[in-house]
Amino acid sequence: MSRERDVSSAVVDYSGSGLFETVFRSTTDRWGHAFLNDSRGPGVWINLDLVTGAPTCTEDTAVSVTEEDPGTLFITLLGGDGVMYEAQCETSSTAPLTPANIATACAPGFTAIPGTPV
């Protein structure tokens, strides 16, 4: 069980993108669960356990996003086992990421990043 919490965010700052000013935020809770928020769905925090391959205990998170439309959201999680996991999720200006579509948008899911030096 993790005792720390973590927060990360990324914003699309290219005005030519349909995702302009969309903010993606990730966080962990004290129990090692990881969550994602798409600013277009205010107050909706998506449990990343819904995405195949998510670590059972997350110590740290990071997010980054490309500025195309559709763009790619990269979610990186540091598992309690010291291994980093990454998922690439397709984003679209027509619909925010939600608990109902996150697994499909991030298919095939999280994969371990080989050789994590932690």
C-alpha atoms as a PDB file:
ATOM      1  CA  MET A   1       0.000   0.000   0.000  1.00  0.00           C
ATOM      2  CA  SER A   2       1.301   3.448  -0.953  1.00  0.00           C
ATOM      3  CA  ARG A   3       1.226   6.246   1.634  1.00  0.00           C
ATOM      4  CA  GLU A   4       2.011   9.030  -0.800  1.00  0.00           C
ATOM      5  CA  ARG A   5      -0.121  10.738  -3.412  1.00  0.00           C
ATOM      6  CA  ASP A   6       0.983  12.090  -6.769  1.00  0.00           C
ATOM      7  CA  VAL A   7      -0.427  14.513  -9.355  1.00  0.00           C
ATOM      8  CA  SER A   8       0.513  15.135 -12.993  1.00  0.00           C
ATOM      9  CA  SER A   9      -1.075  17.163 -15.796  1.00  0.00           C
ATOM     10  CA  ALA A  10      -0.690  17.963 -19.484  1.00  0.00           C
ATOM     11  CA  VAL A  11      -2.501  20.574 -21.577  1.00  0.00           C
ATOM     12  CA  VAL A  12      -2.991  20.862 -25.325  1.00  0.00           C
ATOM     13  CA  ASP A  13      -1.662  24.329 -26.145  1.00  0.00           C
ATOM     14  CA  TYR A  14      -1.830  24.254 -29.942  1.00  0.00           C
ATOM     15  CA  SER A  15      -4.679  26.590 -30.966  1.00  0.00           C
ATOM     16  CA  GLY A  16      -5.132  24.726 -34.260  1.00  0.00           C
ATOM     17  CA  SER A  17      -6.212  21.571 -32.428  1.00  0.00           C
ATOM     18  CA  GLY A  18      -9.814  20.730 -31.601  1.00  0.00           C
ATOM     19  CA  LEU A  19      -8.432  19.721 -28.205  1.00  0.00           C
ATOM     20  CA  PHE A  20      -7.028  23.230 -27.546  1.00  0.00           C
ATOM     21  CA  GLU A  21      -6.854  23.935 -23.796  1.00  0.00           C
ATOM     22  CA  THR A  22      -7.966  20.423 -22.838  1.00  0.00           C
ATOM     23  CA  VAL A  23      -6.190  19.399 -19.628  1.00  0.00           C
ATOM     24  CA  PHE A  24      -5.491  15.784 -18.756  1.00  0.00           C
ATOM     25  CA  ARG A  25      -4.730  15.157 -15.073  1.00  0.00           C
ATOM     26  CA  SER A  26      -3.606  12.003 -13.310  1.00  0.00           C
ATOM     27  CA  THR A  27      -3.351  11.283  -9.623  1.00  0.00           C
ATOM     28  CA  THR A  28      -2.931   8.495  -7.119  1.00  0.00           C
ATOM     29  CA  ASP A  29      -4.620   7.930  -3.795  1.00  0.00           C
ATOM     30  CA  ARG A  30      -3.086   6.629  -0.557  1.00  0.00           C
ATOM     31  CA  TRP A  31      -4.034   3.063  -1.462  1.00  0.00           C
ATOM     32  CA  GLY A  32      -2.109   2.989  -4.751  1.00  0.00           C
ATOM     33  CA  HIS A  33      -5.022   3.484  -7.148  1.00  0.00           C
ATOM     34  CA  ALA A  34      -4.433   5.715 -10.180  1.00  0.00           C
ATOM     35  CA  PHE A  35      -7.051   8.027 -11.693  1.00  0.00           C
ATOM     36  CA  LEU A  36      -7.363  10.194 -14.810  1.00  0.00           C
ATOM     37  CA  ASN A  37      -9.436  13.329 -15.422  1.00  0.00           C
ATOM     38  CA  ASP A  38     -10.226  14.837 -18.832  1.00  0.00           C
ATOM     39  CA  SER A  39     -11.127  18.515 -18.240  1.00  0.00           C
ATOM     40  CA  ARG A  40     -14.011  18.203 -20.690  1.00  0.00           C
ATOM     41  CA  GLY A  41     -15.710  15.955 -18.119  1.00  0.00           C
ATOM     42  CA  PRO A  42     -15.537  18.132 -14.980  1.00  0.00           C
ATOM     43  CA  GLY A  43     -15.546  16.107 -11.777  1.00  0.00           C
ATOM     44  CA  VAL A  44     -15.211  12.752 -13.584  1.00  0.00           C
ATOM     45  CA  TRP A  45     -12.191  10.822 -12.332  1.00  0.00           C
ATOM     46  CA  ILE A  46     -11.571   7.568 -14.161  1.00  0.00           C
ATOM     47  CA  ASN A  47     -10.101   4.670 -12.207  1.00  0.00           C
ATOM     48  CA  LEU A  48      -7.241   3.464 -14.408  1.00  0.00           C
ATOM     49  CA  ASP A  49      -7.857  -0.097 -13.208  1.00  0.00           C
ATOM     50  CA  LEU A  50     -10.418  -0.083 -16.047  1.00  0.00           C
ATOM     51  CA  VAL A  51      -7.491  -0.216 -18.499  1.00  0.00           C
ATOM     52  CA  THR A  52      -5.981  -3.665 -19.081  1.00  0.00           C
ATOM     53  CA  GLY A  53      -2.536  -4.149 -17.545  1.00  0.00           C
ATOM     54  CA  ALA A  54      -2.671  -1.316 -14.976  1.00  0.00           C
ATOM     55  CA  PRO A  55      -0.437  -2.039 -11.980  1.00  0.00           C
ATOM     56  CA  THR A  56      -2.278  -3.002  -8.793  1.00  0.00           C
ATOM     57  CA  CYS A  57      -0.336  -0.453  -6.744  1.00  0.00           C
ATOM     58  CA  THR A  58       0.723   2.844  -8.342  1.00  0.00           C
ATOM     59  CA  GLU A  59       3.410   5.015  -6.735  1.00  0.00           C
ATOM     60  CA  ASP A  60       3.668   7.796  -9.351  1.00  0.00           C
ATOM     61  CA  THR A  61       1.964   9.062 -12.519  1.00  0.00           C
ATOM     62  CA  ALA A  62       2.873  11.110 -15.572  1.00  0.00           C
ATOM     63  CA  VAL A  63       0.799  12.244 -18.558  1.00  0.00           C
ATOM     64  CA  SER A  64       1.665  13.854 -21.876  1.00  0.00           C
ATOM     65  CA  VAL A  65      -0.412  14.488 -24.977  1.00  0.00           C
ATOM     66  CA  THR A  66       0.197  15.126 -28.657  1.00  0.00           C
ATOM     67  CA  GLU A  67      -1.597  18.043 -30.258  1.00  0.00           C
ATOM     68  CA  GLU A  68      -3.238  16.404 -33.257  1.00  0.00           C
ATOM     69  CA  ASP A  69      -6.957  15.705 -33.434  1.00  0.00           C
ATOM     70  CA  PRO A  70      -7.284  12.884 -32.755  1.00  0.00           C
ATOM     71  CA  GLY A  71      -4.283  13.087 -30.501  1.00  0.00           C
ATOM     72  CA  THR A  72      -2.490  10.529 -28.396  1.00  0.00           C
ATOM     73  CA  LEU A  73      -2.455  10.667 -24.609  1.00  0.00           C
ATOM     74  CA  PHE A  74       0.481   8.873 -22.983  1.00  0.00           C
ATOM     75  CA  ILE A  75      -0.153   7.699 -19.426  1.00  0.00           C
ATOM     76  CA  THR A  76       2.851   6.420 -17.479  1.00  0.00           C
ATOM     77  CA  LEU A  77       2.454   4.732 -14.098  1.00  0.00           C
ATOM     78  CA  LEU A  78       5.205   3.659 -11.711  1.00  0.00           C
ATOM     79  CA  GLY A  79       4.058   0.476 -10.031  1.00  0.00           C
ATOM     80  CA  GLY A  80       4.812  -0.400  -6.440  1.00  0.00           C
ATOM     81  CA  ASP A  81       6.984  -3.191  -7.846  1.00  0.00           C
ATOM     82  CA  GLY A  82       9.340  -0.558  -9.332  1.00  0.00           C
ATOM     83  CA  VAL A  83       8.267  -1.224 -12.926  1.00  0.00           C
ATOM     84  CA  MET A  84       6.994   1.576 -15.160  1.00  0.00           C
ATOM     85  CA  TYR A  85       3.908   0.931 -17.278  1.00  0.00           C
ATOM     86  CA  GLU A  86       2.677   2.978 -20.237  1.00  0.00           C
ATOM     87  CA  ALA A  87      -0.592   3.173 -22.147  1.00  0.00           C
ATOM     88  CA  GLN A  88      -1.245   5.151 -25.324  1.00  0.00           C
ATOM     89  CA  CYS A  89      -4.807   6.413 -25.564  1.00  0.00           C
ATOM     90  CA  GLU A  90      -6.546   7.919 -28.579  1.00  0.00           C
ATOM     91  CA  THR A  91      -8.206  11.265 -27.848  1.00  0.00           C
ATOM     92  CA  SER A  92     -10.830  13.074 -29.870  1.00  0.00           C
ATOM     93  CA  SER A  93     -12.297  16.566 -29.792  1.00  0.00           C
ATOM     94  CA  THR A  94     -15.798  15.070 -30.059  1.00  0.00           C
ATOM     95  CA  ALA A  95     -15.894  13.107 -26.787  1.00  0.00           C
ATOM     96  CA  PRO A  96     -14.052  13.274 -23.456  1.00  0.00           C
ATOM     97  CA  LEU A  97     -12.462  10.203 -21.960  1.00  0.00           C
ATOM     98  CA  THR A  98     -14.868   8.548 -19.490  1.00  0.00           C
ATOM     99  CA  PRO A  99     -15.121   5.311 -17.502  1.00  0.00           C
ATOM    100  CA  ALA A 100     -17.278   3.942 -20.350  1.00  0.00           C
ATOM    101  CA  ASN A 101     -14.727   4.537 -23.144  1.00  0.00           C
ATOM    102  CA  ILE A 102     -11.291   4.515 -21.456  1.00  0.00           C
ATOM    103  CA  ALA A 103     -10.569   0.805 -22.037  1.00  0.00           C
ATOM    104  CA  THR A 104     -11.288   1.101 -25.760  1.00  0.00           C
ATOM    105  CA  ALA A 105      -9.419   4.413 -26.144  1.00  0.00           C
ATOM    106  CA  CYS A 106      -6.353   2.944 -24.410  1.00  0.00           C
ATOM    107  CA  ALA A 107      -6.403  -0.511 -26.021  1.00  0.00           C
ATOM    108  CA  PRO A 108      -4.482  -2.723 -25.858  1.00  0.00           C
ATOM    109  CA  GLY A 109      -3.722  -1.276 -22.390  1.00  0.00           C
ATOM    110  CA  PHE A 110      -0.706  -0.757 -20.162  1.00  0.00           C
ATOM    111  CA  THR A 111       2.543  -2.512 -20.977  1.00  0.00           C
ATOM    112  CA  ALA A 112       5.667  -2.702 -18.855  1.00  0.00           C
ATOM    113  CA  ILE A 113       8.566  -0.522 -19.958  1.00  0.00           C
ATOM    114  CA  PRO A 114      11.584  -2.861 -20.087  1.00  0.00           C
ATOM    115  CA  GLY A 115      14.616  -2.112 -17.964  1.00  0.00           C
ATOM    116  CA  THR A 116      12.977   0.378 -15.570  1.00  0.00           C
ATOM    117  CA  PRO A 117      15.947   1.444 -13.385  1.00  0.00           C
ATOM    118  CA  VAL A 118      14.051   1.736 -10.093  1.00  0.00           C
END
